[in-house]
Protein backbone atom coordinates (compact mmCIF):
# COMPACT_ATOMS: atom_id res chain seq x y z
CA MET A 1 -78.03 -65.71 -66.85
CA THR A 2 -78.65 -68.24 -69.62
CA ARG A 3 -75.91 -70.85 -70.09
CA LEU A 4 -76.34 -73.08 -73.09
CA VAL A 5 -74.14 -75.42 -75.09
CA PRO A 6 -74.97 -74.73 -78.76
CA LYS A 7 -75.71 -77.54 -81.18
CA SER A 8 -74.00 -77.79 -84.54
CA PRO A 9 -76.08 -75.81 -87.06
CA SER A 10 -76.97 -77.12 -90.49
CA PRO A 11 -74.90 -75.87 -93.48
CA ARG A 12 -77.81 -73.74 -94.69
CA THR A 13 -78.35 -72.18 -91.28
CA SER A 14 -74.60 -71.59 -90.87
CA GLU A 15 -74.36 -69.77 -94.18
CA LEU A 16 -77.38 -67.60 -93.46
CA ALA A 17 -76.12 -66.82 -89.97
CA LYS A 18 -72.70 -65.86 -91.35
CA LYS A 19 -74.25 -63.45 -93.81
CA ALA A 20 -76.76 -62.10 -91.30
CA SER A 21 -73.92 -61.36 -88.86
CA PHE A 22 -72.89 -58.37 -91.01
CA ASP A 23 -72.59 -55.31 -88.73
CA SER A 24 -75.66 -53.47 -89.95
CA GLN A 25 -75.33 -50.74 -87.32
CA THR A 26 -71.81 -49.82 -88.47
CA PHE A 27 -72.98 -49.73 -92.07
CA LEU A 28 -76.04 -47.63 -91.27
CA ASP A 29 -73.84 -45.18 -89.37
CA SER A 30 -71.34 -44.83 -92.22
CA ALA A 31 -73.47 -45.02 -95.36
CA GLY A 32 -74.98 -41.55 -95.20
CA LEU A 33 -78.40 -43.15 -94.99
CA ALA A 34 -81.19 -40.65 -94.30
CA ARG A 35 -82.91 -41.79 -91.14
CA ARG A 36 -84.00 -40.62 -87.70
CA VAL A 37 -83.66 -42.11 -84.26
CA VAL A 38 -86.77 -42.44 -82.08
CA GLU A 39 -86.89 -43.50 -78.44
CA PHE A 40 -89.86 -45.35 -76.96
CA ALA A 41 -90.77 -45.97 -73.33
CA LYS A 42 -91.60 -49.50 -72.17
CA LYS A 43 -94.87 -50.86 -73.63
CA ALA A 44 -95.19 -47.92 -76.03
CA PRO A 45 -96.82 -48.44 -79.45
CA ILE A 46 -94.36 -48.11 -82.33
CA PHE A 47 -97.02 -48.68 -84.97
CA SER A 48 -100.50 -50.17 -84.96
CA GLN A 49 -102.32 -52.63 -87.17
CA GLY A 50 -103.79 -50.71 -90.10
CA ASP A 51 -101.32 -47.79 -89.96
CA ALA A 52 -99.70 -46.59 -93.17
CA ALA A 53 -96.48 -48.52 -93.85
CA LYS A 54 -93.81 -45.89 -94.59
CA HIS A 55 -90.64 -46.95 -92.77
CA VAL A 56 -88.27 -49.85 -92.26
CA MET A 57 -87.06 -49.99 -88.65
CA TYR A 58 -83.89 -51.22 -86.97
CA ILE A 59 -83.61 -51.87 -83.23
CA GLN A 60 -80.56 -50.23 -81.65
CA GLN A 61 -81.49 -50.86 -78.02
CA GLY A 62 -84.34 -52.54 -76.16
CA GLY A 63 -86.88 -54.96 -77.58
CA VAL A 64 -90.02 -55.07 -79.74
CA LYS A 65 -93.07 -57.34 -79.73
CA LEU A 66 -94.86 -57.91 -83.05
CA SER A 67 -98.49 -58.96 -82.73
CA VAL A 68 -101.78 -59.22 -84.62
CA VAL A 69 -105.34 -58.90 -83.37
CA ASN A 70 -108.36 -60.62 -84.95
CA GLU A 71 -111.91 -59.30 -85.32
CA THR A 72 -112.89 -60.48 -81.83
CA GLY A 73 -109.94 -58.74 -80.19
CA LYS A 74 -107.80 -61.82 -79.56
CA GLU A 75 -104.09 -61.04 -79.79
CA ALA A 76 -101.37 -63.36 -81.08
CA VAL A 77 -97.67 -62.56 -80.70
CA VAL A 78 -95.79 -63.12 -83.97
CA ALA A 79 -92.25 -62.40 -82.76
CA VAL A 80 -90.16 -60.84 -80.01
CA LEU A 81 -87.23 -58.91 -81.50
CA ARG A 82 -83.97 -57.68 -80.02
CA PRO A 83 -81.18 -55.20 -80.88
CA GLY A 84 -79.84 -55.82 -84.38
CA ASP A 85 -83.21 -56.89 -85.78
CA PHE A 86 -85.09 -55.15 -88.60
CA PHE A 87 -88.88 -54.95 -88.76
CA GLY A 88 -91.55 -53.16 -90.76
CA GLU A 89 -89.82 -54.22 -93.98
CA GLY A 90 -93.12 -55.09 -95.69
CA CYS A 91 -93.36 -51.51 -96.93
CA ILE A 92 -90.51 -52.02 -99.42
CA ALA A 93 -92.40 -54.98 -100.91
CA GLY A 94 -95.51 -52.91 -101.60
CA GLN A 95 -97.34 -53.31 -98.30
CA ARG A 96 -99.35 -50.12 -97.83
CA LEU A 97 -100.84 -50.83 -94.40
CA ARG A 98 -99.32 -52.53 -91.37
CA MET A 99 -100.60 -56.08 -91.02
CA GLY A 100 -99.87 -56.11 -87.29
CA SER A 101 -98.71 -53.97 -84.39
CA ALA A 102 -95.27 -53.31 -82.89
CA THR A 103 -94.86 -52.51 -79.19
CA SER A 104 -91.69 -51.88 -77.18
CA THR A 105 -91.03 -54.47 -74.45
CA SER A 106 -88.55 -52.20 -72.62
CA PRO A 107 -87.14 -48.69 -73.14
CA THR A 108 -86.24 -48.95 -76.83
CA THR A 109 -84.29 -46.98 -79.43
CA VAL A 110 -85.31 -47.50 -83.05
CA LEU A 111 -83.75 -46.29 -86.28
CA MET A 112 -86.52 -45.20 -88.67
CA ILE A 113 -85.58 -45.44 -92.37
CA ASP A 114 -87.90 -44.11 -95.05
CA LYS A 115 -88.95 -46.91 -97.43
CA ASP A 116 -87.75 -45.03 -100.54
CA GLU A 117 -84.36 -44.44 -98.94
CA MET A 118 -84.11 -48.09 -97.90
CA THR A 119 -84.97 -49.17 -101.45
CA ARG A 120 -82.30 -46.86 -102.88
CA VAL A 121 -79.59 -48.20 -100.54
CA LEU A 122 -80.52 -51.82 -101.27
CA HIS A 123 -80.01 -51.10 -104.97
CA VAL A 124 -76.66 -49.34 -104.70
CA GLU A 125 -74.98 -50.98 -101.69
CA HIS A 126 -74.66 -54.62 -102.73
CA GLU A 127 -72.96 -55.92 -99.60
CA PHE A 128 -75.65 -54.45 -97.39
CA SER A 129 -78.31 -55.79 -99.77
CA ASP A 130 -76.86 -59.31 -99.58
CA ARG A 131 -76.75 -59.23 -95.78
CA PHE A 132 -80.25 -57.78 -95.47
CA ILE A 133 -81.70 -60.46 -97.78
CA ALA A 134 -79.86 -63.19 -95.84
CA TYR A 135 -81.29 -61.80 -92.60
CA MET A 136 -84.84 -61.80 -93.99
CA LEU A 137 -84.49 -65.35 -95.38
CA SER A 138 -83.23 -66.53 -91.99
CA ARG A 139 -86.22 -64.93 -90.27
CA ASN A 140 -88.65 -66.40 -92.81
CA ILE A 141 -87.27 -69.87 -92.09
CA ARG A 142 -87.91 -69.21 -88.40
CA ILE A 143 -91.52 -68.16 -89.16
CA GLU A 144 -92.10 -71.33 -91.20
CA GLU A 145 -90.74 -73.42 -88.33
CA ASP A 146 -93.04 -71.56 -85.93
CA LEU A 147 -96.05 -72.38 -88.11
CA ILE A 148 -95.14 -76.07 -88.23
CA ASP A 149 -94.63 -75.97 -84.47
CA GLN A 150 -98.13 -74.53 -83.96
CA LEU A 151 -99.73 -77.10 -86.26
CA PHE A 152 -98.09 -80.30 -85.08
CA ASN A 153 -96.52 -79.95 -81.64
CA SER A 154 -98.02 -80.10 -78.15
CA THR A 155 -98.27 -77.04 -75.90
CA GLU A 156 -95.39 -78.32 -73.78
CA LYS A 157 -93.09 -78.69 -76.81
CA ARG A 158 -94.10 -75.28 -78.18
CA LEU A 159 -93.28 -73.61 -74.86
CA ALA A 160 -89.92 -75.39 -74.57
CA ARG A 161 -88.96 -74.42 -78.13
CA THR A 162 -90.00 -70.80 -77.56
CA LEU A 163 -87.90 -70.53 -74.40
CA LEU A 164 -84.88 -71.97 -76.22
CA LEU A 165 -85.34 -69.55 -79.12
CA LEU A 166 -85.64 -66.57 -76.77
CA ALA A 167 -82.42 -67.71 -75.11
CA ARG A 168 -80.80 -67.82 -78.57
CA TYR A 169 -80.04 -71.52 -78.22
CA GLY A 170 -77.65 -72.65 -80.94
CA LYS A 171 -76.25 -69.17 -81.58
CA LYS A 172 -72.51 -69.81 -81.63
CA ASP A 173 -71.54 -66.31 -80.51
CA GLU A 174 -74.25 -65.97 -77.86
CA ARG A 175 -73.62 -68.79 -75.41
CA GLN A 176 -74.55 -66.81 -72.30
CA LYS A 177 -77.40 -64.38 -72.31
CA ILE A 178 -79.92 -63.09 -69.82
CA LEU A 179 -83.29 -64.21 -71.05
CA PRO A 180 -85.41 -61.22 -72.09
CA LYS A 181 -88.20 -60.45 -69.64
CA VAL A 182 -91.30 -62.03 -71.12
CA SER A 183 -94.49 -62.43 -69.11
CA GLN A 184 -96.42 -65.69 -69.00
CA GLU A 185 -99.25 -63.86 -70.77
CA THR A 186 -96.92 -63.04 -73.68
CA LEU A 187 -95.60 -66.60 -73.79
CA ALA A 188 -99.20 -67.83 -73.94
CA GLU A 189 -99.90 -65.50 -76.87
CA MET A 190 -96.75 -66.67 -78.65
CA ILE A 191 -97.62 -70.36 -78.50
CA GLY A 192 -101.41 -70.11 -78.75
CA THR A 193 -102.53 -71.26 -75.31
CA THR A 194 -103.64 -69.90 -71.93
CA ARG A 195 -101.55 -68.38 -69.16
CA SER A 196 -102.60 -71.17 -66.79
CA ARG A 197 -101.17 -73.79 -69.18
CA VAL A 198 -97.92 -71.85 -69.45
CA ASN A 199 -97.73 -71.61 -65.66
CA LEU A 200 -98.33 -75.36 -65.36
CA PHE A 201 -95.47 -76.27 -67.70
CA MET A 202 -93.11 -73.61 -66.32
CA ASN A 203 -93.54 -75.15 -62.88
CA LYS A 204 -92.92 -78.59 -64.37
CA PHE A 205 -89.75 -77.41 -66.15
CA LYS A 206 -88.50 -75.87 -62.92
CA LYS A 207 -89.16 -79.05 -60.93
CA LEU A 208 -87.27 -81.11 -63.54
CA GLY A 209 -84.31 -78.69 -63.47
CA PHE A 210 -84.81 -77.42 -67.03
CA ILE A 211 -85.19 -73.80 -65.87
CA ASP A 212 -84.22 -71.81 -62.79
CA ASN A 213 -85.78 -68.47 -61.87
CA THR A 214 -83.85 -67.92 -58.62
CA ASP A 215 -81.77 -65.12 -60.15
CA GLY A 216 -83.46 -64.22 -63.41
CA LEU A 217 -84.68 -66.91 -65.78
CA GLU A 218 -81.92 -69.38 -66.60
CA ILE A 219 -82.54 -71.96 -69.32
CA ASN A 220 -80.71 -75.28 -69.11
CA SER A 221 -79.81 -76.85 -72.45
CA SER A 222 -81.44 -80.06 -71.18
CA LEU A 223 -84.77 -78.39 -71.99
CA LEU A 224 -84.04 -79.46 -75.57
CA SER A 225 -85.00 -82.99 -74.53
CA VAL A 226 -88.64 -81.83 -74.31
CA VAL A 227 -88.53 -80.64 -77.93
CA LEU A 228 -86.85 -83.80 -79.20
CA HIS A 229 -88.96 -86.26 -77.22
CA ASP A 230 -91.60 -88.09 -79.27
């Protein structure tokens, strides 16, 4: 169980979070939107890099890992998504082929929405359109922060920040959550390092009392001190 005391968000983040908190599932259920529900077993491919991009997807249950693979076969994890998250939205911006792969991290239920249908609804349902755009802007800010993190921060800081983000640190309505099951290999791929380095710092965090894996992985808010330390 993760127990965190959230920090006060910035005005911009607060506004985006407020808009992104729109109950997309309720809207999708009531809007007469043409879509289908697909269930995936754990570690099942949802789409692969290079596949035709034809659908926007919405996670109802479970989790999804987004990743890319370079020419030599090295994989990098772009994001780990949870229920309430959209993905695959590049198709409505003209993306013809998937730039990365999506894999379920647990038994997962996904709403598949045809790109033409999603485009139609975004044009006619203004409230949903506003919330969807706010959600995407919020996620883009997160991606920019991740890039800066990769460029300028140490491995230890990157790992600490990733653990806090996975625990939804700072989310006002999510103060206690069980941290999603993420292997050390996946954490290494997310922060651009090796599993042995992740293991080294995880042991250090545990010794310092920042994390506790006695009964699931619990993140102490004091882990933030690693991110803030110069």
